[in-house]
Amino acid sequence: MTKVEVNGNLEKAMKTWKVKVARSGVPSELKKKKHYEKPGVKRREAKKEMIRNARKHRSY
């Protein structure tokens, strides 16, 4: 559970809470678990993600 202290400014507290929840990975996990994904499809997507990250972090 994510807790945020409210010191009079509700908008700031909401913004802080949204950032904390997004960083924890809860929304992306919910999105992934919405539908069943075959194991082969999971592996394929993981492989694509690894290739994408390798290209992104490649140094010349």
PDB file of N, CA and C in Angstrom:
ATOM      1  N   MET A   1       0.837  -1.176   0.000  1.00  0.00           N
ATOM      2  CA  MET A   1       0.000   0.000   0.000  1.00  0.00           C
ATOM      3  C   MET A   1       0.882   1.239   0.000  1.00  0.00           C
ATOM      4  N   THR A   2       0.492   2.195  -0.796  1.00  0.00           N
ATOM      5  CA  THR A   2       1.241   3.437  -0.908  1.00  0.00           C
ATOM      6  C   THR A   2       0.584   4.500  -0.048  1.00  0.00           C
ATOM      7  N   LYS A   3       1.373   5.110   0.814  1.00  0.00           N
ATOM      8  CA  LYS A   3       0.848   6.148   1.700  1.00  0.00           C
ATOM      9  C   LYS A   3       1.505   7.475   1.382  1.00  0.00           C
ATOM     10  N   VAL A   4       0.700   8.528   1.388  1.00  0.00           N
ATOM     11  CA  VAL A   4       1.197   9.882   1.154  1.00  0.00           C
ATOM     12  C   VAL A   4       0.603  10.777   2.223  1.00  0.00           C
ATOM     13  N   GLU A   5       1.429  11.631   2.814  1.00  0.00           N
ATOM     14  CA  GLU A   5       0.973  12.538   3.852  1.00  0.00           C
ATOM     15  C   GLU A   5       0.391  13.801   3.218  1.00  0.00           C
ATOM     16  N   VAL A   6      -0.802  14.179   3.658  1.00  0.00           N
ATOM     17  CA  VAL A   6      -1.460  15.383   3.146  1.00  0.00           C
ATOM     18  C   VAL A   6      -1.268  16.502   4.160  1.00  0.00           C
ATOM     19  N   ASN A   7      -0.604  17.563   3.733  1.00  0.00           N
ATOM     20  CA  ASN A   7      -0.386  18.719   4.603  1.00  0.00           C
ATOM     21  C   ASN A   7      -1.129  19.925   4.059  1.00  0.00           C
ATOM     22  N   GLY A   8      -2.418  19.784   3.856  1.00  0.00           N
ATOM     23  CA  GLY A   8      -3.227  20.911   3.395  1.00  0.00           C
ATOM     24  C   GLY A   8      -3.354  21.004   1.886  1.00  0.00           C
ATOM     25  N   ASN A   9      -2.384  20.517   1.119  1.00  0.00           N
ATOM     26  CA  ASN A   9      -2.420  20.629  -0.328  1.00  0.00           C
ATOM     27  C   ASN A   9      -2.778  19.269  -0.922  1.00  0.00           C
ATOM     28  N   LEU A  10      -4.053  19.090  -1.251  1.00  0.00           N
ATOM     29  CA  LEU A  10      -4.537  17.816  -1.746  1.00  0.00           C
ATOM     30  C   LEU A  10      -4.021  17.514  -3.154  1.00  0.00           C
ATOM     31  N   GLU A  11      -3.933  18.532  -4.013  1.00  0.00           N
ATOM     32  CA  GLU A  11      -3.464  18.314  -5.385  1.00  0.00           C
ATOM     33  C   GLU A  11      -2.031  17.777  -5.398  1.00  0.00           C
ATOM     34  N   LYS A  12      -1.177  18.365  -4.563  1.00  0.00           N
ATOM     35  CA  LYS A  12       0.212  17.931  -4.501  1.00  0.00           C
ATOM     36  C   LYS A  12       0.299  16.493  -3.974  1.00  0.00           C
ATOM     37  N   ALA A  13      -0.532  16.183  -2.985  1.00  0.00           N
ATOM     38  CA  ALA A  13      -0.546  14.834  -2.425  1.00  0.00           C
ATOM     39  C   ALA A  13      -1.007  13.820  -3.473  1.00  0.00           C
ATOM     40  N   MET A  14      -2.013  14.168  -4.262  1.00  0.00           N
ATOM     41  CA  MET A  14      -2.504  13.280  -5.322  1.00  0.00           C
ATOM     42  C   MET A  14      -1.426  13.046  -6.370  1.00  0.00           C
ATOM     43  N   LYS A  15      -0.725  14.110  -6.749  1.00  0.00           N
ATOM     44  CA  LYS A  15       0.343  14.006  -7.749  1.00  0.00           C
ATOM     45  C   LYS A  15       1.454  13.097  -7.233  1.00  0.00           C
ATOM     46  N   THR A  16       1.835  13.278  -5.973  1.00  0.00           N
ATOM     47  CA  THR A  16       2.876  12.451  -5.367  1.00  0.00           C
ATOM     48  C   THR A  16       2.444  10.994  -5.332  1.00  0.00           C
ATOM     49  N   TRP A  17       1.186  10.758  -4.975  1.00  0.00           N
ATOM     50  CA  TRP A  17       0.651   9.400  -4.914  1.00  0.00           C
ATOM     51  C   TRP A  17       0.667   8.743  -6.291  1.00  0.00           C
ATOM     52  N   LYS A  18       0.248   9.472  -7.323  1.00  0.00           N
ATOM     53  CA  LYS A  18       0.240   8.931  -8.680  1.00  0.00           C
ATOM     54  C   LYS A  18       1.635   8.543  -9.134  1.00  0.00           C
ATOM     55  N   VAL A  19       2.631   9.385  -8.813  1.00  0.00           N
ATOM     56  CA  VAL A  19       4.011   9.098  -9.195  1.00  0.00           C
ATOM     57  C   VAL A  19       4.507   7.845  -8.472  1.00  0.00           C
ATOM     58  N   LYS A  20       4.219   7.735  -7.172  1.00  0.00           N
ATOM     59  CA  LYS A  20       4.655   6.577  -6.402  1.00  0.00           C
ATOM     60  C   LYS A  20       4.024   5.292  -6.934  1.00  0.00           C
ATOM     61  N   VAL A  21       2.744   5.339  -7.253  1.00  0.00           N
ATOM     62  CA  VAL A  21       2.052   4.159  -7.774  1.00  0.00           C
ATOM     63  C   VAL A  21       2.609   3.782  -9.144  1.00  0.00           C
ATOM     64  N   ALA A  22       2.854   4.766  -9.997  1.00  0.00           N
ATOM     65  CA  ALA A  22       3.389   4.481 -11.330  1.00  0.00           C
ATOM     66  C   ALA A  22       4.778   3.849 -11.229  1.00  0.00           C
ATOM     67  N   ARG A  23       5.607   4.340 -10.318  1.00  0.00           N
ATOM     68  CA  ARG A  23       6.960   3.789 -10.159  1.00  0.00           C
ATOM     69  C   ARG A  23       6.941   2.389  -9.577  1.00  0.00           C
ATOM     70  N   SER A  24       5.925   2.068  -8.791  1.00  0.00           N
ATOM     71  CA  SER A  24       5.855   0.735  -8.190  1.00  0.00           C
ATOM     72  C   SER A  24       5.485  -0.326  -9.220  1.00  0.00           C
ATOM     73  N   GLY A  25       4.923   0.075 -10.361  1.00  0.00           N
ATOM     74  CA  GLY A  25       4.620  -0.872 -11.429  1.00  0.00           C
ATOM     75  C   GLY A  25       3.239  -1.485 -11.360  1.00  0.00           C
ATOM     76  N   VAL A  26       2.386  -0.995 -10.510  1.00  0.00           N
ATOM     77  CA  VAL A  26       1.044  -1.558 -10.355  1.00  0.00           C
ATOM     78  C   VAL A  26       0.211  -1.419 -11.639  1.00  0.00           C
ATOM     79  N   PRO A  27       0.158  -0.241 -12.269  1.00  0.00           N
ATOM     80  CA  PRO A  27      -0.668  -0.126 -13.481  1.00  0.00           C
ATOM     81  C   PRO A  27      -0.213  -1.036 -14.614  1.00  0.00           C
ATOM     82  N   SER A  28       1.097  -1.175 -14.800  1.00  0.00           N
ATOM     83  CA  SER A  28       1.584  -2.030 -15.876  1.00  0.00           C
ATOM     84  C   SER A  28       1.294  -3.501 -15.573  1.00  0.00           C
ATOM     85  N   GLU A  29       1.370  -3.898 -14.301  1.00  0.00           N
ATOM     86  CA  GLU A  29       1.046  -5.275 -13.932  1.00  0.00           C
ATOM     87  C   GLU A  29      -0.432  -5.569 -14.206  1.00  0.00           C
ATOM     88  N   LEU A  30      -1.296  -4.615 -13.868  1.00  0.00           N
ATOM     89  CA  LEU A  30      -2.721  -4.815 -14.130  1.00  0.00           C
ATOM     90  C   LEU A  30      -2.981  -4.947 -15.618  1.00  0.00           C
ATOM     91  N   LYS A  31      -2.301  -4.156 -16.404  1.00  0.00           N
ATOM     92  CA  LYS A  31      -2.458  -4.200 -17.852  1.00  0.00           C
ATOM     93  C   LYS A  31      -2.010  -5.554 -18.402  1.00  0.00           C
ATOM     94  N   LYS A  32      -0.892  -6.080 -17.870  1.00  0.00           N
ATOM     95  CA  LYS A  32      -0.370  -7.365 -18.331  1.00  0.00           C
ATOM     96  C   LYS A  32      -1.295  -8.517 -17.960  1.00  0.00           C
ATOM     97  N   LYS A  33      -1.896  -8.456 -16.776  1.00  0.00           N
ATOM     98  CA  LYS A  33      -2.703  -9.565 -16.281  1.00  0.00           C
ATOM     99  C   LYS A  33      -4.172  -9.476 -16.676  1.00  0.00           C
ATOM    100  N   LYS A  34      -4.517  -8.507 -17.510  1.00  0.00           N
ATOM    101  CA  LYS A  34      -5.904  -8.340 -17.917  1.00  0.00           C
ATOM    102  C   LYS A  34      -6.380  -9.537 -18.743  1.00  0.00           C
ATOM    103  N   HIS A  35      -5.507 -10.030 -19.625  1.00  0.00           N
ATOM    104  CA  HIS A  35      -5.830 -11.170 -20.478  1.00  0.00           C
ATOM    105  C   HIS A  35      -4.737 -12.209 -20.352  1.00  0.00           C
ATOM    106  N   TYR A  36      -5.110 -13.477 -20.584  1.00  0.00           N
ATOM    107  CA  TYR A  36      -4.123 -14.555 -20.539  1.00  0.00           C
ATOM    108  C   TYR A  36      -3.202 -14.450 -21.739  1.00  0.00           C
ATOM    109  N   GLU A  37      -1.927 -14.679 -21.488  1.00  0.00           N
ATOM    110  CA  GLU A  37      -0.940 -14.635 -22.548  1.00  0.00           C
ATOM    111  C   GLU A  37      -0.222 -15.980 -22.587  1.00  0.00           C
ATOM    112  N   LYS A  38      -0.158 -16.593 -23.770  1.00  0.00           N
ATOM    113  CA  LYS A  38       0.507 -17.882 -23.900  1.00  0.00           C
ATOM    114  C   LYS A  38       1.987 -17.740 -23.541  1.00  0.00           C
ATOM    115  N   PRO A  39       2.605 -18.808 -23.033  1.00  0.00           N
ATOM    116  CA  PRO A  39       4.026 -18.745 -22.674  1.00  0.00           C
ATOM    117  C   PRO A  39       4.930 -18.368 -23.845  1.00  0.00           C
ATOM    118  N   GLY A  40       4.628 -18.874 -25.026  1.00  0.00           N
ATOM    119  CA  GLY A  40       5.439 -18.552 -26.203  1.00  0.00           C
ATOM    120  C   GLY A  40       5.358 -17.079 -26.557  1.00  0.00           C
ATOM    121  N   VAL A  41       4.175 -16.501 -26.404  1.00  0.00           N
ATOM    122  CA  VAL A  41       3.982 -15.081 -26.682  1.00  0.00           C
ATOM    123  C   VAL A  41       4.736 -14.251 -25.653  1.00  0.00           C
ATOM    124  N   LYS A  42       4.711 -14.693 -24.393  1.00  0.00           N
ATOM    125  CA  LYS A  42       5.454 -13.987 -23.338  1.00  0.00           C
ATOM    126  C   LYS A  42       6.941 -13.969 -23.659  1.00  0.00           C
ATOM    127  N   ARG A  43       7.477 -15.138 -24.057  1.00  0.00           N
ATOM    128  CA  ARG A  43       8.901 -15.216 -24.394  1.00  0.00           C
ATOM    129  C   ARG A  43       9.239 -14.313 -25.568  1.00  0.00           C
ATOM    130  N   ARG A  44       8.392 -14.315 -26.572  1.00  0.00           N
ATOM    131  CA  ARG A  44       8.620 -13.490 -27.759  1.00  0.00           C
ATOM    132  C   ARG A  44       8.644 -12.012 -27.400  1.00  0.00           C
ATOM    133  N   GLU A  45       7.680 -11.586 -26.587  1.00  0.00           N
ATOM    134  CA  GLU A  45       7.628 -10.188 -26.161  1.00  0.00           C
ATOM    135  C   GLU A  45       8.836  -9.821 -25.304  1.00  0.00           C
ATOM    136  N   ALA A  46       9.262 -10.733 -24.425  1.00  0.00           N
ATOM    137  CA  ALA A  46      10.434 -10.472 -23.587  1.00  0.00           C
ATOM    138  C   ALA A  46      11.680 -10.328 -24.459  1.00  0.00           C
ATOM    139  N   LYS A  47      11.792 -11.165 -25.483  1.00  0.00           N
ATOM    140  CA  LYS A  47      12.936 -11.095 -26.387  1.00  0.00           C
ATOM    141  C   LYS A  47      12.954  -9.761 -27.139  1.00  0.00           C
ATOM    142  N   LYS A  48      11.781  -9.342 -27.616  1.00  0.00           N
ATOM    143  CA  LYS A  48      11.677  -8.054 -28.308  1.00  0.00           C
ATOM    144  C   LYS A  48      12.082  -6.915 -27.384  1.00  0.00           C
ATOM    145  N   GLU A  49      11.645  -6.979 -26.129  1.00  0.00           N
ATOM    146  CA  GLU A  49      11.962  -5.942 -25.149  1.00  0.00           C
ATOM    147  C   GLU A  49      13.469  -5.899 -24.889  1.00  0.00           C
ATOM    148  N   MET A  50      14.100  -7.067 -24.802  1.00  0.00           N
ATOM    149  CA  MET A  50      15.550  -7.106 -24.577  1.00  0.00           C
ATOM    150  C   MET A  50      16.296  -6.484 -25.754  1.00  0.00           C
ATOM    151  N   ILE A  51      15.845  -6.771 -26.971  1.00  0.00           N
ATOM    152  CA  ILE A  51      16.476  -6.195 -28.160  1.00  0.00           C
ATOM    153  C   ILE A  51      16.311  -4.679 -28.150  1.00  0.00           C
ATOM    154  N   ARG A  52      15.106  -4.207 -27.817  1.00  0.00           N
ATOM    155  CA  ARG A  52      14.832  -2.772 -27.755  1.00  0.00           C
ATOM    156  C   ARG A  52      15.738  -2.088 -26.740  1.00  0.00           C
ATOM    157  N   ASN A  53      15.869  -2.697 -25.558  1.00  0.00           N
ATOM    158  CA  ASN A  53      16.718  -2.117 -24.518  1.00  0.00           C
ATOM    159  C   ASN A  53      18.183  -2.129 -24.913  1.00  0.00           C
ATOM    160  N   ALA A  54      18.614  -3.188 -25.590  1.00  0.00           N
ATOM    161  CA  ALA A  54      20.008  -3.265 -26.024  1.00  0.00           C
ATOM    162  C   ALA A  54      20.311  -2.166 -27.034  1.00  0.00           C
ATOM    163  N   ARG A  55      19.386  -1.916 -27.944  1.00  0.00           N
ATOM    164  CA  ARG A  55      19.575  -0.852 -28.929  1.00  0.00           C
ATOM    165  C   ARG A  55      19.598   0.509 -28.256  1.00  0.00           C
ATOM    166  N   LYS A  56      18.751   0.682 -27.253  1.00  0.00           N
ATOM    167  CA  LYS A  56      18.641   1.951 -26.561  1.00  0.00           C
ATOM    168  C   LYS A  56      19.920   2.269 -25.779  1.00  0.00           C
ATOM    169  N   HIS A  57      20.518   1.244 -25.178  1.00  0.00           N
ATOM    170  CA  HIS A  57      21.675   1.464 -24.315  1.00  0.00           C
ATOM    171  C   HIS A  57      23.004   1.139 -24.987  1.00  0.00           C
ATOM    172  N   ARG A  58      22.972   0.962 -26.309  1.00  0.00           N
ATOM    173  CA  ARG A  58      24.191   0.657 -27.046  1.00  0.00           C
ATOM    174  C   ARG A  58      25.093   1.876 -27.080  1.00  0.00           C
ATOM    175  N   SER A  59      26.372   1.662 -26.862  1.00  0.00           N
ATOM    176  CA  SER A  59      27.325   2.763 -26.955  1.00  0.00           C
ATOM    177  C   SER A  59      28.236   2.529 -28.151  1.00  0.00           C
ATOM    178  N   TYR A  60      28.544   3.563 -28.871  1.00  0.00           N
ATOM    179  CA  TYR A  60      29.359   3.436 -30.075  1.00  0.00           C
ATOM    180  C   TYR A  60      30.781   3.805 -29.823  1.00  0.00           C
TER     181      TYR A  60
END
